[in-house]
Amino acid sequence: MAAGKILACKWVKLACRRHLKDLARQKKKSYPYRFDLEKAERICTFIELLPHTKGKWAAKRELLRLSPWQKFVLSSVFGWVRKKDGFRRFWEAYIEVPRKN
């Protein structure tokens, strides 16, 4: 999205750019946060263990499957932690998604 190959609004592009910049900045000792890939993957894995609760997928007992954009959002919120103590960087997130998404 940051490269412009996928259609996205200005705010999504800015979020992707910030994520990429933060990934580069985490290497500096002065930067207080790091991206913990294990924690990011853990939340996505957990959600994909949950079953659908309504509709035809629930009748088939299918599990939830996250789209790449959903994994990005979850990873951004749960993957960033403070270097000094490992606590999450973000405690609240405002996520707005159009209907049928």
C-alpha atoms as a PDB file:
ATOM      1  CA  MET A   1       0.000   0.000   0.000  1.00  0.00           C
ATOM      2  CA  ALA A   2       2.792   2.386   0.828  1.00  0.00           C
ATOM      3  CA  ALA A   3       4.248   1.831  -2.649  1.00  0.00           C
ATOM      4  CA  GLY A   4       0.934   2.696  -4.296  1.00  0.00           C
ATOM      5  CA  LYS A   5       0.330  -0.697  -5.935  1.00  0.00           C
ATOM      6  CA  ILE A   6      -2.868  -1.306  -3.945  1.00  0.00           C
ATOM      7  CA  LEU A   7      -5.677   1.231  -3.890  1.00  0.00           C
ATOM      8  CA  ALA A   8      -5.931   2.818  -0.462  1.00  0.00           C
ATOM      9  CA  CYS A   9      -6.957   6.105   1.083  1.00  0.00           C
ATOM     10  CA  LYS A  10      -4.494   8.708   2.305  1.00  0.00           C
ATOM     11  CA  TRP A  11      -4.778   7.563   5.931  1.00  0.00           C
ATOM     12  CA  VAL A  12      -4.045   3.915   5.159  1.00  0.00           C
ATOM     13  CA  LYS A  13      -1.003   4.907   3.121  1.00  0.00           C
ATOM     14  CA  LEU A  14       0.242   7.090   5.981  1.00  0.00           C
ATOM     15  CA  ALA A  15      -0.227   4.253   8.470  1.00  0.00           C
ATOM     16  CA  CYS A  16       1.755   1.893   6.243  1.00  0.00           C
ATOM     17  CA  ARG A  17       4.544   4.444   5.805  1.00  0.00           C
ATOM     18  CA  ARG A  18       4.709   5.023   9.571  1.00  0.00           C
ATOM     19  CA  HIS A  19       4.938   1.277  10.154  1.00  0.00           C
ATOM     20  CA  LEU A  20       7.814   0.967   7.674  1.00  0.00           C
ATOM     21  CA  LYS A  21       9.619   3.982   9.181  1.00  0.00           C
ATOM     22  CA  ASP A  22       9.202   2.579  12.670  1.00  0.00           C
ATOM     23  CA  LEU A  23      10.615  -0.767  11.545  1.00  0.00           C
ATOM     24  CA  ALA A  24      13.733   1.063  10.337  1.00  0.00           C
ATOM     25  CA  ARG A  25      13.958   3.225  13.483  1.00  0.00           C
ATOM     26  CA  GLN A  26      13.675   0.279  15.904  1.00  0.00           C
ATOM     27  CA  LYS A  27      17.322  -0.562  15.223  1.00  0.00           C
ATOM     28  CA  LYS A  28      18.446   2.618  16.983  1.00  0.00           C
ATOM     29  CA  LYS A  29      19.071   2.329  20.719  1.00  0.00           C
ATOM     30  CA  SER A  30      17.319   5.645  21.311  1.00  0.00           C
ATOM     31  CA  TYR A  31      14.063   4.422  19.761  1.00  0.00           C
ATOM     32  CA  PRO A  32      11.892   3.095  22.639  1.00  0.00           C
ATOM     33  CA  TYR A  33       9.867   0.494  20.692  1.00  0.00           C
ATOM     34  CA  ARG A  34      10.480  -2.714  18.804  1.00  0.00           C
ATOM     35  CA  PHE A  35       8.263  -4.882  16.633  1.00  0.00           C
ATOM     36  CA  ASP A  36       7.787  -8.305  18.215  1.00  0.00           C
ATOM     37  CA  LEU A  37       6.906 -10.613  15.337  1.00  0.00           C
ATOM     38  CA  GLU A  38       6.025 -13.447  17.719  1.00  0.00           C
ATOM     39  CA  LYS A  39       3.377 -11.346  19.494  1.00  0.00           C
ATOM     40  CA  ALA A  40       2.019 -10.131  16.161  1.00  0.00           C
ATOM     41  CA  GLU A  41       1.706 -13.671  14.843  1.00  0.00           C
ATOM     42  CA  ARG A  42       0.209 -14.907  18.117  1.00  0.00           C
ATOM     43  CA  ILE A  43      -2.867 -12.676  17.921  1.00  0.00           C
ATOM     44  CA  CYS A  44      -3.495 -13.619  14.290  1.00  0.00           C
ATOM     45  CA  THR A  45      -3.101 -17.320  15.043  1.00  0.00           C
ATOM     46  CA  PHE A  46      -5.461 -17.044  18.010  1.00  0.00           C
ATOM     47  CA  ILE A  47      -8.184 -15.310  15.996  1.00  0.00           C
ATOM     48  CA  GLU A  48      -7.908 -17.877  13.225  1.00  0.00           C
ATOM     49  CA  LEU A  49      -8.686 -20.589  15.811  1.00  0.00           C
ATOM     50  CA  LEU A  50     -12.089 -19.021  16.472  1.00  0.00           C
ATOM     51  CA  PRO A  51     -15.156 -20.400  14.675  1.00  0.00           C
ATOM     52  CA  HIS A  52     -17.776 -18.483  12.733  1.00  0.00           C
ATOM     53  CA  THR A  53     -20.919 -18.011  14.821  1.00  0.00           C
ATOM     54  CA  LYS A  54     -23.526 -17.168  12.171  1.00  0.00           C
ATOM     55  CA  GLY A  55     -24.403 -18.060   8.624  1.00  0.00           C
ATOM     56  CA  LYS A  56     -23.320 -20.798   6.261  1.00  0.00           C
ATOM     57  CA  TRP A  57     -19.737 -20.872   7.568  1.00  0.00           C
ATOM     58  CA  ALA A  58     -20.974 -21.485  11.111  1.00  0.00           C
ATOM     59  CA  ALA A  59     -23.133 -24.368   9.848  1.00  0.00           C
ATOM     60  CA  LYS A  60     -20.011 -25.906   8.299  1.00  0.00           C
ATOM     61  CA  ARG A  61     -18.043 -25.208  11.499  1.00  0.00           C
ATOM     62  CA  GLU A  62     -15.463 -23.204   9.591  1.00  0.00           C
ATOM     63  CA  LEU A  63     -12.843 -21.134  11.360  1.00  0.00           C
ATOM     64  CA  LEU A  64     -12.240 -17.451  10.809  1.00  0.00           C
ATOM     65  CA  ARG A  65      -9.655 -16.582   8.157  1.00  0.00           C
ATOM     66  CA  LEU A  66      -7.994 -13.202   8.307  1.00  0.00           C
ATOM     67  CA  SER A  67      -7.311 -11.185   5.177  1.00  0.00           C
ATOM     68  CA  PRO A  68      -3.851  -9.619   4.758  1.00  0.00           C
ATOM     69  CA  TRP A  69      -5.178  -6.164   5.662  1.00  0.00           C
ATOM     70  CA  GLN A  70      -6.714  -7.566   8.855  1.00  0.00           C
ATOM     71  CA  LYS A  71      -3.410  -9.187   9.786  1.00  0.00           C
ATOM     72  CA  PHE A  72      -1.637  -5.873   9.205  1.00  0.00           C
ATOM     73  CA  VAL A  73      -4.042  -4.018  11.505  1.00  0.00           C
ATOM     74  CA  LEU A  74      -3.796  -6.611  14.271  1.00  0.00           C
ATOM     75  CA  SER A  75      -0.028  -6.905  13.946  1.00  0.00           C
ATOM     76  CA  SER A  76       0.384  -3.144  14.112  1.00  0.00           C
ATOM     77  CA  VAL A  77      -1.653  -2.909  17.300  1.00  0.00           C
ATOM     78  CA  PHE A  78      -0.369  -6.003  19.130  1.00  0.00           C
ATOM     79  CA  GLY A  79       3.150  -6.379  17.685  1.00  0.00           C
ATOM     80  CA  TRP A  80       4.701  -3.080  18.798  1.00  0.00           C
ATOM     81  CA  VAL A  81       6.101  -3.218  22.326  1.00  0.00           C
ATOM     82  CA  ARG A  82       8.333  -1.058  24.514  1.00  0.00           C
ATOM     83  CA  LYS A  83      11.933  -2.237  24.576  1.00  0.00           C
ATOM     84  CA  LYS A  84      12.393  -1.667  28.297  1.00  0.00           C
ATOM     85  CA  ASP A  85       9.522  -3.794  29.606  1.00  0.00           C
ATOM     86  CA  GLY A  86       7.761  -5.529  26.692  1.00  0.00           C
ATOM     87  CA  PHE A  87       4.414  -3.813  27.303  1.00  0.00           C
ATOM     88  CA  ARG A  88       2.350  -2.899  24.272  1.00  0.00           C
ATOM     89  CA  ARG A  89       2.902   0.428  22.564  1.00  0.00           C
ATOM     90  CA  PHE A  90      -0.747   0.843  21.622  1.00  0.00           C
ATOM     91  CA  TRP A  91      -3.555   0.253  24.112  1.00  0.00           C
ATOM     92  CA  GLU A  92      -6.374   1.670  22.019  1.00  0.00           C
ATOM     93  CA  ALA A  93      -7.027   1.599  18.312  1.00  0.00           C
ATOM     94  CA  TYR A  94      -9.714   3.204  16.209  1.00  0.00           C
ATOM     95  CA  ILE A  95     -10.438   1.042  13.194  1.00  0.00           C
ATOM     96  CA  GLU A  96     -13.118   2.019  10.729  1.00  0.00           C
ATOM     97  CA  VAL A  97     -14.141  -0.458   8.028  1.00  0.00           C
ATOM     98  CA  PRO A  98     -16.918  -0.089   5.466  1.00  0.00           C
ATOM     99  CA  ARG A  99     -19.815  -2.499   5.599  1.00  0.00           C
ATOM    100  CA  LYS A 100     -19.485  -5.892   3.917  1.00  0.00           C
ATOM    101  CA  ASN A 101     -15.749  -5.938   4.535  1.00  0.00           C
END
